[in-house]
Amino acid sequence: VRFHMNGMPMQDQEEFAKRCGTTIGYLRKAIYKNSYLGTEISVAIERESGNKVTRKKLHPETYLKKWPELSEKR
């Protein structure tokens, strides 16, 4: 998320966060603390970033438990 947002002007960052159902403050705090992002926000980030930031990247250890449909064996 950090790399995706870093290239955006501040207003675009705020709009991105809003489209994801959160605030820029929440995303910054989560990035800074390397915090867990909820499943709904993760799906929104993937969608709003045009798949540049995926659920798999956001949850590399647990994404298959949360989203089994993302399995490559399908």
PDB file of N, CA and C in Angstrom:
ATOM      1  N   VAL A   1       0.838  -1.187   0.000  1.00  0.00           N
ATOM      2  CA  VAL A   1       0.000   0.000   0.000  1.00  0.00           C
ATOM      3  C   VAL A   1       0.879   1.244   0.000  1.00  0.00           C
ATOM      4  N   ARG A   2       1.940   1.188   0.801  1.00  0.00           N
ATOM      5  CA  ARG A   2       2.814   2.359   0.926  1.00  0.00           C
ATOM      6  C   ARG A   2       3.346   2.779  -0.430  1.00  0.00           C
ATOM      7  N   PHE A   3       3.875   1.827  -1.211  1.00  0.00           N
ATOM      8  CA  PHE A   3       4.477   2.185  -2.481  1.00  0.00           C
ATOM      9  C   PHE A   3       3.439   2.687  -3.467  1.00  0.00           C
ATOM     10  N   HIS A   4       2.264   2.140  -3.401  1.00  0.00           N
ATOM     11  CA  HIS A   4       1.189   2.596  -4.289  1.00  0.00           C
ATOM     12  C   HIS A   4       0.804   4.035  -3.955  1.00  0.00           C
ATOM     13  N   MET A   5       0.700   4.334  -2.679  1.00  0.00           N
ATOM     14  CA  MET A   5       0.246   5.666  -2.260  1.00  0.00           C
ATOM     15  C   MET A   5       1.343   6.723  -2.347  1.00  0.00           C
ATOM     16  N   ASN A   6       2.591   6.326  -2.202  1.00  0.00           N
ATOM     17  CA  ASN A   6       3.679   7.303  -2.201  1.00  0.00           C
ATOM     18  C   ASN A   6       3.735   8.133  -3.468  1.00  0.00           C
ATOM     19  N   GLY A   7       3.358   7.567  -4.582  1.00  0.00           N
ATOM     20  CA  GLY A   7       3.406   8.292  -5.841  1.00  0.00           C
ATOM     21  C   GLY A   7       2.203   9.185  -6.093  1.00  0.00           C
ATOM     22  N   MET A   8       1.284   9.230  -5.157  1.00  0.00           N
ATOM     23  CA  MET A   8       0.053  10.002  -5.336  1.00  0.00           C
ATOM     24  C   MET A   8       0.133  11.346  -4.626  1.00  0.00           C
ATOM     25  N   PRO A   9      -0.486  12.364  -5.226  1.00  0.00           N
ATOM     26  CA  PRO A   9      -0.645  13.625  -4.485  1.00  0.00           C
ATOM     27  C   PRO A   9      -1.538  13.387  -3.258  1.00  0.00           C
ATOM     28  N   MET A  10      -1.409  14.235  -2.269  1.00  0.00           N
ATOM     29  CA  MET A  10      -2.146  14.069  -1.004  1.00  0.00           C
ATOM     30  C   MET A  10      -3.649  13.918  -1.224  1.00  0.00           C
ATOM     31  N   GLN A  11      -4.221  14.738  -2.081  1.00  0.00           N
ATOM     32  CA  GLN A  11      -5.667  14.661  -2.316  1.00  0.00           C
ATOM     33  C   GLN A  11      -6.047  13.295  -2.886  1.00  0.00           C
ATOM     34  N   ASP A  12      -5.226  12.766  -3.786  1.00  0.00           N
ATOM     35  CA  ASP A  12      -5.501  11.445  -4.359  1.00  0.00           C
ATOM     36  C   ASP A  12      -5.377  10.352  -3.302  1.00  0.00           C
ATOM     37  N   GLN A  13      -4.426  10.505  -2.388  1.00  0.00           N
ATOM     38  CA  GLN A  13      -4.286   9.536  -1.292  1.00  0.00           C
ATOM     39  C   GLN A  13      -5.544   9.528  -0.432  1.00  0.00           C
ATOM     40  N   GLU A  14      -6.045  10.700  -0.123  1.00  0.00           N
ATOM     41  CA  GLU A  14      -7.258  10.796   0.695  1.00  0.00           C
ATOM     42  C   GLU A  14      -8.452  10.193  -0.021  1.00  0.00           C
ATOM     43  N   GLU A  15      -8.565  10.434  -1.334  1.00  0.00           N
ATOM     44  CA  GLU A  15      -9.669   9.873  -2.112  1.00  0.00           C
ATOM     45  C   GLU A  15      -9.548   8.350  -2.212  1.00  0.00           C
ATOM     46  N   PHE A  16      -8.324   7.865  -2.371  1.00  0.00           N
ATOM     47  CA  PHE A  16      -8.083   6.423  -2.416  1.00  0.00           C
ATOM     48  C   PHE A  16      -8.548   5.778  -1.110  1.00  0.00           C
ATOM     49  N   ALA A  17      -8.134   6.350  -0.005  1.00  0.00           N
ATOM     50  CA  ALA A  17      -8.529   5.814   1.306  1.00  0.00           C
ATOM     51  C   ALA A  17     -10.051   5.823   1.454  1.00  0.00           C
ATOM     52  N   LYS A  18     -10.674   6.897   1.042  1.00  0.00           N
ATOM     53  CA  LYS A  18     -12.134   7.002   1.145  1.00  0.00           C
ATOM     54  C   LYS A  18     -12.816   5.924   0.304  1.00  0.00           C
ATOM     55  N   ARG A  19     -12.319   5.699  -0.909  1.00  0.00           N
ATOM     56  CA  ARG A  19     -12.900   4.650  -1.760  1.00  0.00           C
ATOM     57  C   ARG A  19     -12.712   3.264  -1.145  1.00  0.00           C
ATOM     58  N   CYS A  20     -11.688   3.129  -0.322  1.00  0.00           N
ATOM     59  CA  CYS A  20     -11.423   1.855   0.361  1.00  0.00           C
ATOM     60  C   CYS A  20     -12.221   1.730   1.655  1.00  0.00           C
ATOM     61  N   GLY A  21     -12.987   2.758   1.985  1.00  0.00           N
ATOM     62  CA  GLY A  21     -13.827   2.696   3.179  1.00  0.00           C
ATOM     63  C   GLY A  21     -13.085   3.024   4.460  1.00  0.00           C
ATOM     64  N   THR A  22     -12.011   3.794   4.351  1.00  0.00           N
ATOM     65  CA  THR A  22     -11.227   4.144   5.528  1.00  0.00           C
ATOM     66  C   THR A  22     -10.689   5.564   5.368  1.00  0.00           C
ATOM     67  N   THR A  23      -9.738   5.907   6.210  1.00  0.00           N
ATOM     68  CA  THR A  23      -9.128   7.239   6.143  1.00  0.00           C
ATOM     69  C   THR A  23      -7.643   7.116   5.847  1.00  0.00           C
ATOM     70  N   ILE A  24      -7.070   8.204   5.368  1.00  0.00           N
ATOM     71  CA  ILE A  24      -5.636   8.217   5.116  1.00  0.00           C
ATOM     72  C   ILE A  24      -4.874   8.033   6.431  1.00  0.00           C
ATOM     73  N   GLY A  25      -5.406   8.569   7.509  1.00  0.00           N
ATOM     74  CA  GLY A  25      -4.773   8.406   8.813  1.00  0.00           C
ATOM     75  C   GLY A  25      -4.690   6.944   9.226  1.00  0.00           C
ATOM     76  N   TYR A  26      -5.768   6.205   9.025  1.00  0.00           N
ATOM     77  CA  TYR A  26      -5.778   4.781   9.365  1.00  0.00           C
ATOM     78  C   TYR A  26      -4.766   4.023   8.520  1.00  0.00           C
ATOM     79  N   LEU A  27      -4.747   4.288   7.202  1.00  0.00           N
ATOM     80  CA  LEU A  27      -3.805   3.588   6.334  1.00  0.00           C
ATOM     81  C   LEU A  27      -2.363   3.924   6.695  1.00  0.00           C
ATOM     82  N   ARG A  28      -2.088   5.181   6.956  1.00  0.00           N
ATOM     83  CA  ARG A  28      -0.727   5.566   7.345  1.00  0.00           C
ATOM     84  C   ARG A  28      -0.298   4.879   8.636  1.00  0.00           C
ATOM     85  N   LYS A  29      -1.197   4.846   9.604  1.00  0.00           N
ATOM     86  CA  LYS A  29      -0.886   4.193  10.875  1.00  0.00           C
ATOM     87  C   LYS A  29      -0.626   2.705  10.651  1.00  0.00           C
ATOM     88  N   ALA A  30      -1.461   2.060   9.844  1.00  0.00           N
ATOM     89  CA  ALA A  30      -1.293   0.635   9.562  1.00  0.00           C
ATOM     90  C   ALA A  30       0.031   0.372   8.849  1.00  0.00           C
ATOM     91  N   ILE A  31       0.392   1.241   7.915  1.00  0.00           N
ATOM     92  CA  ILE A  31       1.656   1.094   7.196  1.00  0.00           C
ATOM     93  C   ILE A  31       2.821   1.287   8.155  1.00  0.00           C
ATOM     94  N   TYR A  32       2.774   2.334   8.942  1.00  0.00           N
ATOM     95  CA  TYR A  32       3.864   2.666   9.862  1.00  0.00           C
ATOM     96  C   TYR A  32       4.096   1.555  10.883  1.00  0.00           C
ATOM     97  N   LYS A  33       3.015   1.031  11.420  1.00  0.00           N
ATOM     98  CA  LYS A  33       3.121  -0.007  12.453  1.00  0.00           C
ATOM     99  C   LYS A  33       3.148  -1.419  11.877  1.00  0.00           C
ATOM    100  N   ASN A  34       3.062  -1.502  10.537  1.00  0.00           N
ATOM    101  CA  ASN A  34       2.996  -2.803   9.875  1.00  0.00           C
ATOM    102  C   ASN A  34       1.853  -3.627  10.467  1.00  0.00           C
ATOM    103  N   SER A  35       0.716  -2.967  10.638  1.00  0.00           N
ATOM    104  CA  SER A  35      -0.451  -3.578  11.274  1.00  0.00           C
ATOM    105  C   SER A  35      -1.260  -4.414  10.299  1.00  0.00           C
ATOM    106  N   TYR A  36      -2.058  -5.269  10.879  1.00  0.00           N
ATOM    107  CA  TYR A  36      -2.993  -6.090  10.136  1.00  0.00           C
ATOM    108  C   TYR A  36      -4.087  -5.214   9.546  1.00  0.00           C
ATOM    109  N   LEU A  37      -4.388  -5.419   8.282  1.00  0.00           N
ATOM    110  CA  LEU A  37      -5.508  -4.744   7.648  1.00  0.00           C
ATOM    111  C   LEU A  37      -6.670  -5.730   7.563  1.00  0.00           C
ATOM    112  N   GLY A  38      -7.860  -5.270   7.846  1.00  0.00           N
ATOM    113  CA  GLY A  38      -9.030  -6.131   7.797  1.00  0.00           C
ATOM    114  C   GLY A  38      -9.323  -6.637   6.400  1.00  0.00           C
ATOM    115  N   THR A  39     -10.111  -7.695   6.335  1.00  0.00           N
ATOM    116  CA  THR A  39     -10.397  -8.323   5.046  1.00  0.00           C
ATOM    117  C   THR A  39     -11.155  -7.396   4.096  1.00  0.00           C
ATOM    118  N   GLU A  40     -12.124  -6.663   4.599  1.00  0.00           N
ATOM    119  CA  GLU A  40     -12.893  -5.770   3.739  1.00  0.00           C
ATOM    120  C   GLU A  40     -12.025  -4.666   3.157  1.00  0.00           C
ATOM    121  N   ILE A  41     -11.182  -4.081   3.986  1.00  0.00           N
ATOM    122  CA  ILE A  41     -10.292  -3.028   3.498  1.00  0.00           C
ATOM    123  C   ILE A  41      -9.280  -3.617   2.514  1.00  0.00           C
ATOM    124  N   SER A  42      -8.802  -4.816   2.774  1.00  0.00           N
ATOM    125  CA  SER A  42      -7.844  -5.452   1.868  1.00  0.00           C
ATOM    126  C   SER A  42      -8.447  -5.686   0.490  1.00  0.00           C
ATOM    127  N   VAL A  43      -9.682  -6.144   0.450  1.00  0.00           N
ATOM    128  CA  VAL A  43     -10.373  -6.341  -0.828  1.00  0.00           C
ATOM    129  C   VAL A  43     -10.533  -4.995  -1.539  1.00  0.00           C
ATOM    130  N   ALA A  44     -10.904  -3.969  -0.802  1.00  0.00           N
ATOM    131  CA  ALA A  44     -11.079  -2.640  -1.394  1.00  0.00           C
ATOM    132  C   ALA A  44      -9.758  -2.083  -1.911  1.00  0.00           C
ATOM    133  N   ILE A  45      -8.676  -2.285  -1.179  1.00  0.00           N
ATOM    134  CA  ILE A  45      -7.361  -1.816  -1.617  1.00  0.00           C
ATOM    135  C   ILE A  45      -6.974  -2.508  -2.921  1.00  0.00           C
ATOM    136  N   GLU A  46      -7.204  -3.812  -2.990  1.00  0.00           N
ATOM    137  CA  GLU A  46      -6.898  -4.539  -4.220  1.00  0.00           C
ATOM    138  C   GLU A  46      -7.697  -3.965  -5.386  1.00  0.00           C
ATOM    139  N   ARG A  47      -8.979  -3.771  -5.176  1.00  0.00           N
ATOM    140  CA  ARG A  47      -9.862  -3.248  -6.229  1.00  0.00           C
ATOM    141  C   ARG A  47      -9.456  -1.833  -6.641  1.00  0.00           C
ATOM    142  N   GLU A  48      -9.295  -0.958  -5.658  1.00  0.00           N
ATOM    143  CA  GLU A  48      -9.038   0.452  -5.941  1.00  0.00           C
ATOM    144  C   GLU A  48      -7.627   0.715  -6.469  1.00  0.00           C
ATOM    145  N   SER A  49      -6.704  -0.195  -6.205  1.00  0.00           N
ATOM    146  CA  SER A  49      -5.343  -0.033  -6.733  1.00  0.00           C
ATOM    147  C   SER A  49      -5.207  -0.663  -8.116  1.00  0.00           C
ATOM    148  N   GLY A  50      -6.292  -1.213  -8.630  1.00  0.00           N
ATOM    149  CA  GLY A  50      -6.223  -1.880  -9.923  1.00  0.00           C
ATOM    150  C   GLY A  50      -5.342  -3.122  -9.877  1.00  0.00           C
ATOM    151  N   ASN A  51      -5.391  -3.824  -8.751  1.00  0.00           N
ATOM    152  CA  ASN A  51      -4.622  -5.049  -8.511  1.00  0.00           C
ATOM    153  C   ASN A  51      -3.114  -4.808  -8.392  1.00  0.00           C
ATOM    154  N   LYS A  52      -2.703  -3.574  -8.199  1.00  0.00           N
ATOM    155  CA  LYS A  52      -1.278  -3.290  -7.959  1.00  0.00           C
ATOM    156  C   LYS A  52      -0.892  -3.713  -6.546  1.00  0.00           C
ATOM    157  N   VAL A  53      -1.849  -3.622  -5.633  1.00  0.00           N
ATOM    158  CA  VAL A  53      -1.663  -4.097  -4.256  1.00  0.00           C
ATOM    159  C   VAL A  53      -2.718  -5.178  -4.051  1.00  0.00           C
ATOM    160  N   THR A  54      -2.280  -6.421  -3.980  1.00  0.00           N
ATOM    161  CA  THR A  54      -3.225  -7.533  -3.910  1.00  0.00           C
ATOM    162  C   THR A  54      -3.411  -8.036  -2.484  1.00  0.00           C
ATOM    163  N   ARG A  55      -4.475  -8.783  -2.286  1.00  0.00           N
ATOM    164  CA  ARG A  55      -4.728  -9.424  -0.991  1.00  0.00           C
ATOM    165  C   ARG A  55      -3.595 -10.384  -0.652  1.00  0.00           C
ATOM    166  N   LYS A  56      -3.069 -11.030  -1.660  1.00  0.00           N
ATOM    167  CA  LYS A  56      -1.955 -11.962  -1.454  1.00  0.00           C
ATOM    168  C   LYS A  56      -0.734 -11.219  -0.913  1.00  0.00           C
ATOM    169  N   LYS A  57      -0.465 -10.029  -1.427  1.00  0.00           N
ATOM    170  CA  LYS A  57       0.656  -9.225  -0.935  1.00  0.00           C
ATOM    171  C   LYS A  57       0.380  -8.682   0.468  1.00  0.00           C
ATOM    172  N   LEU A  58      -0.858  -8.328   0.731  1.00  0.00           N
ATOM    173  CA  LEU A  58      -1.215  -7.771   2.035  1.00  0.00           C
ATOM    174  C   LEU A  58      -1.239  -8.828   3.138  1.00  0.00           C
ATOM    175  N   HIS A  59      -1.552 -10.069   2.772  1.00  0.00           N
ATOM    176  CA  HIS A  59      -1.680 -11.164   3.746  1.00  0.00           C
ATOM    177  C   HIS A  59      -0.942 -12.394   3.223  1.00  0.00           C
ATOM    178  N   PRO A  60       0.378 -12.312   3.039  1.00  0.00           N
ATOM    179  CA  PRO A  60       1.100 -13.418   2.393  1.00  0.00           C
ATOM    180  C   PRO A  60       1.012 -14.750   3.130  1.00  0.00           C
ATOM    181  N   GLU A  61       0.856 -14.725   4.420  1.00  0.00           N
ATOM    182  CA  GLU A  61       0.849 -15.968   5.198  1.00  0.00           C
ATOM    183  C   GLU A  61      -0.550 -16.553   5.369  1.00  0.00           C
ATOM    184  N   THR A  62      -1.572 -15.706   5.241  1.00  0.00           N
ATOM    185  CA  THR A  62      -2.916 -16.171   5.582  1.00  0.00           C
ATOM    186  C   THR A  62      -3.959 -15.967   4.486  1.00  0.00           C
ATOM    187  N   TYR A  63      -3.544 -15.482   3.328  1.00  0.00           N
ATOM    188  CA  TYR A  63      -4.555 -15.128   2.325  1.00  0.00           C
ATOM    189  C   TYR A  63      -5.397 -16.322   1.882  1.00  0.00           C
ATOM    190  N   LEU A  64      -4.822 -17.530   1.810  1.00  0.00           N
ATOM    191  CA  LEU A  64      -5.611 -18.684   1.371  1.00  0.00           C
ATOM    192  C   LEU A  64      -6.655 -19.099   2.394  1.00  0.00           C
ATOM    193  N   LYS A  65      -6.401 -18.853   3.657  1.00  0.00           N
ATOM    194  CA  LYS A  65      -7.404 -19.145   4.681  1.00  0.00           C
ATOM    195  C   LYS A  65      -8.569 -18.172   4.575  1.00  0.00           C
ATOM    196  N   LYS A  66      -8.259 -16.928   4.233  1.00  0.00           N
ATOM    197  CA  LYS A  66      -9.289 -15.888   4.154  1.00  0.00           C
ATOM    198  C   LYS A  66     -10.020 -15.922   2.817  1.00  0.00           C
ATOM    199  N   TRP A  67      -9.276 -16.218   1.750  1.00  0.00           N
ATOM    200  CA  TRP A  67      -9.831 -16.205   0.399  1.00  0.00           C
ATOM    201  C   TRP A  67      -9.396 -17.464  -0.347  1.00  0.00           C
ATOM    202  N   PRO A  68      -9.980 -18.620  -0.025  1.00  0.00           N
ATOM    203  CA  PRO A  68      -9.556 -19.867  -0.661  1.00  0.00           C
ATOM    204  C   PRO A  68      -9.748 -19.848  -2.192  1.00  0.00           C
ATOM    205  N   GLU A  69     -10.618 -19.000  -2.668  1.00  0.00           N
ATOM    206  CA  GLU A  69     -10.847 -18.914  -4.117  1.00  0.00           C
ATOM    207  C   GLU A  69      -9.621 -18.378  -4.855  1.00  0.00           C
ATOM    208  N   LEU A  70      -8.637 -17.839  -4.128  1.00  0.00           N
ATOM    209  CA  LEU A  70      -7.432 -17.320  -4.757  1.00  0.00           C
ATOM    210  C   LEU A  70      -6.380 -18.415  -4.986  1.00  0.00           C
ATOM    211  N   SER A  71      -6.705 -19.618  -4.610  1.00  0.00           N
ATOM    212  CA  SER A  71      -5.769 -20.734  -4.788  1.00  0.00           C
ATOM    213  C   SER A  71      -5.439 -20.896  -6.260  1.00  0.00           C
ATOM    214  N   GLU A  72      -4.165 -21.096  -6.553  1.00  0.00           N
ATOM    215  CA  GLU A  72      -3.714 -21.261  -7.935  1.00  0.00           C
ATOM    216  C   GLU A  72      -4.042 -22.647  -8.471  1.00  0.00           C
ATOM    217  N   LYS A  73      -4.476 -23.557  -7.605  1.00  0.00           N
ATOM    218  CA  LYS A  73      -4.786 -24.929  -8.015  1.00  0.00           C
ATOM    219  C   LYS A  73      -6.184 -25.067  -8.595  1.00  0.00           C
ATOM    220  N   ARG A  74      -6.949 -24.010  -8.634  1.00  0.00           N
ATOM    221  CA  ARG A  74      -8.324 -24.065  -9.116  1.00  0.00           C
ATOM    222  C   ARG A  74      -8.407 -24.415 -10.561  1.00  0.00           C
TER     223      ARG A  74
END
